[in-house]
């Protein structure tokens, strides 16, 4: 379920970012409202996802896939042109996200879940790290 919420958060962020151009500097009301609602939905959904999944891989996935999707939308709807090295950068972004998510262990998932249940554990863990 968290991965479905992450996909929805990415979609909301991509929608909002893609609509930014149509706001004309937030001078047009309805496109501006759409952007604000899109970003609000994206961050709300993202906050639900990081309750159960580790924040690092989640944020990397969210920002990278959002960047790629907005770039593709720019190419197809806003006549943006990509040079070969820009395309290579997008491919490397995908590779980086895949590698980062492969590195996310079950331990990371368990830690995220336990931190959600008792915020004082985070403070105690931070204090232990400072004492080292």
Protein backbone atom coordinates (compact mmCIF):
# COMPACT_ATOMS: atom_id res chain seq x y z
CA UNK A 1 0.00 0.00 0.00
CA UNK A 2 2.76 2.58 0.74
CA UNK A 3 4.14 2.16 -2.79
CA UNK A 4 0.70 2.94 -4.24
CA UNK A 5 0.55 6.06 -2.06
CA UNK A 6 4.04 6.99 -3.26
CA UNK A 7 2.92 6.64 -6.89
CA UNK A 8 -0.04 8.92 -6.12
CA UNK A 9 2.27 11.44 -4.41
CA UNK A 10 4.53 11.44 -7.45
CA UNK A 11 1.55 11.91 -9.77
CA UNK A 12 0.27 14.85 -7.70
CA UNK A 13 3.71 16.48 -7.66
CA UNK A 14 4.17 15.97 -11.40
CA UNK A 15 0.73 17.45 -12.05
CA UNK A 16 1.46 20.50 -9.88
CA UNK A 17 4.90 21.11 -11.33
CA UNK A 18 3.65 20.71 -14.89
CA UNK A 19 0.88 23.23 -14.20
CA UNK A 20 3.31 25.88 -12.89
CA UNK A 21 3.92 27.27 -16.37
CA UNK A 22 0.18 27.82 -16.90
CA UNK A 23 -0.11 29.98 -13.74
CA UNK A 24 1.91 32.75 -15.43
CA UNK A 25 3.66 33.60 -12.18
CA UNK A 26 0.58 32.81 -10.08
CA UNK A 27 -1.41 35.55 -11.83
CA UNK A 28 -4.07 33.13 -13.12
CA UNK A 29 -6.41 31.94 -10.37
CA UNK A 30 -7.50 28.43 -11.34
CA UNK A 31 -4.16 27.12 -12.55
CA UNK A 32 -2.64 28.56 -9.35
CA UNK A 33 -5.25 26.80 -7.22
CA UNK A 34 -4.54 23.54 -9.09
CA UNK A 35 -0.80 23.88 -8.38
CA UNK A 36 -1.32 24.57 -4.68
CA UNK A 37 -3.75 21.66 -4.30
CA UNK A 38 -1.44 19.35 -6.25
CA UNK A 39 1.54 20.15 -4.03
CA UNK A 40 -0.57 19.86 -0.88
CA UNK A 41 -1.78 16.43 -1.97
CA UNK A 42 1.76 15.36 -2.89
CA UNK A 43 3.22 16.30 0.48
CA UNK A 44 0.32 14.85 2.43
CA UNK A 45 0.63 11.51 0.61
CA UNK A 46 4.41 11.57 1.00
CA UNK A 47 3.98 12.08 4.75
CA UNK A 48 1.84 8.94 4.89
CA UNK A 49 4.43 6.94 2.96
CA UNK A 50 7.34 7.83 5.25
CA UNK A 51 5.41 6.51 8.22
CA UNK A 52 6.18 2.98 7.05
CA UNK A 53 9.06 3.22 4.56
CA UNK A 54 12.54 4.69 5.09
CA UNK A 55 12.64 8.37 4.22
CA UNK A 56 15.88 8.29 2.16
CA UNK A 57 14.84 5.87 -0.57
CA UNK A 58 11.27 7.24 -0.54
CA UNK A 59 12.40 10.83 -1.07
CA UNK A 60 14.96 9.83 -3.69
CA UNK A 61 12.31 7.86 -5.59
CA UNK A 62 9.76 10.67 -5.28
CA UNK A 63 12.08 13.42 -6.44
CA UNK A 64 13.85 11.44 -9.17
CA UNK A 65 10.75 9.95 -10.77
CA UNK A 66 9.01 13.32 -10.49
CA UNK A 67 11.93 15.01 -12.22
CA UNK A 68 11.96 12.44 -15.00
CA UNK A 69 8.20 12.64 -15.52
CA UNK A 70 8.20 16.45 -15.61
CA UNK A 71 11.06 16.40 -18.10
CA UNK A 72 9.17 13.99 -20.35
CA UNK A 73 6.07 16.20 -20.10
CA UNK A 74 8.23 19.20 -20.99
CA UNK A 75 9.43 17.41 -24.12
CA UNK A 76 5.97 16.36 -25.28
CA UNK A 77 3.81 19.31 -24.19
CA UNK A 78 6.12 22.33 -23.86
CA UNK A 79 8.50 21.73 -26.80
CA UNK A 80 11.53 21.20 -24.57
CA UNK A 81 14.49 19.59 -26.32
CA UNK A 82 16.93 17.24 -24.61
CA UNK A 83 20.53 16.90 -25.63
CA UNK A 84 22.10 13.43 -25.50
CA UNK A 85 23.90 14.10 -22.21
CA UNK A 86 20.64 15.27 -20.64
CA UNK A 87 19.01 12.01 -21.68
CA UNK A 88 22.01 10.16 -20.22
CA UNK A 89 21.49 12.10 -16.98
CA UNK A 90 17.89 10.91 -16.80
CA UNK A 91 18.99 7.32 -17.36
CA UNK A 92 21.61 7.65 -14.62
CA UNK A 93 18.93 9.07 -12.33
CA UNK A 94 16.83 5.95 -12.83
CA UNK A 95 19.87 3.73 -12.19
CA UNK A 96 20.65 5.67 -9.01
CA UNK A 97 17.12 5.29 -7.67
CA UNK A 98 17.12 1.57 -8.41
CA UNK A 99 20.46 1.12 -6.63
CA UNK A 100 19.31 3.18 -3.65
CA UNK A 101 16.15 1.13 -3.31
CA UNK A 102 18.12 -2.12 -3.57
CA UNK A 103 20.16 -0.88 -0.62
CA UNK A 104 17.05 -0.27 1.50
CA UNK A 105 17.02 -3.26 3.82
CA UNK A 106 14.29 -4.83 5.87
CA UNK A 107 16.08 -3.34 8.89
CA UNK A 108 15.49 0.15 7.46
CA UNK A 109 11.81 -0.68 7.05
CA UNK A 110 11.56 -2.02 10.60
CA UNK A 111 13.32 1.06 11.99
CA UNK A 112 10.92 3.38 10.17
CA UNK A 113 7.95 1.46 11.55
CA UNK A 114 9.25 1.48 15.13
CA UNK A 115 10.05 5.20 14.98
CA UNK A 116 6.48 5.84 13.95
CA UNK A 117 5.12 4.03 16.99
CA UNK A 118 7.24 5.77 19.64
CA UNK A 119 8.84 9.16 18.88
CA UNK A 120 10.85 9.02 22.12
CA UNK A 121 12.89 6.18 20.64
CA UNK A 122 14.25 8.60 18.05
CA UNK A 123 15.44 10.97 20.79
CA UNK A 124 17.02 8.14 22.77
CA UNK A 125 18.75 6.82 19.66
CA UNK A 126 20.03 10.31 18.79
CA UNK A 127 21.35 10.75 22.33
CA UNK A 128 23.20 7.43 22.10
CA UNK A 129 24.83 8.53 18.84
CA UNK A 130 25.99 11.79 20.46
CA UNK A 131 27.58 9.91 23.35
CA UNK A 132 29.83 7.92 21.02
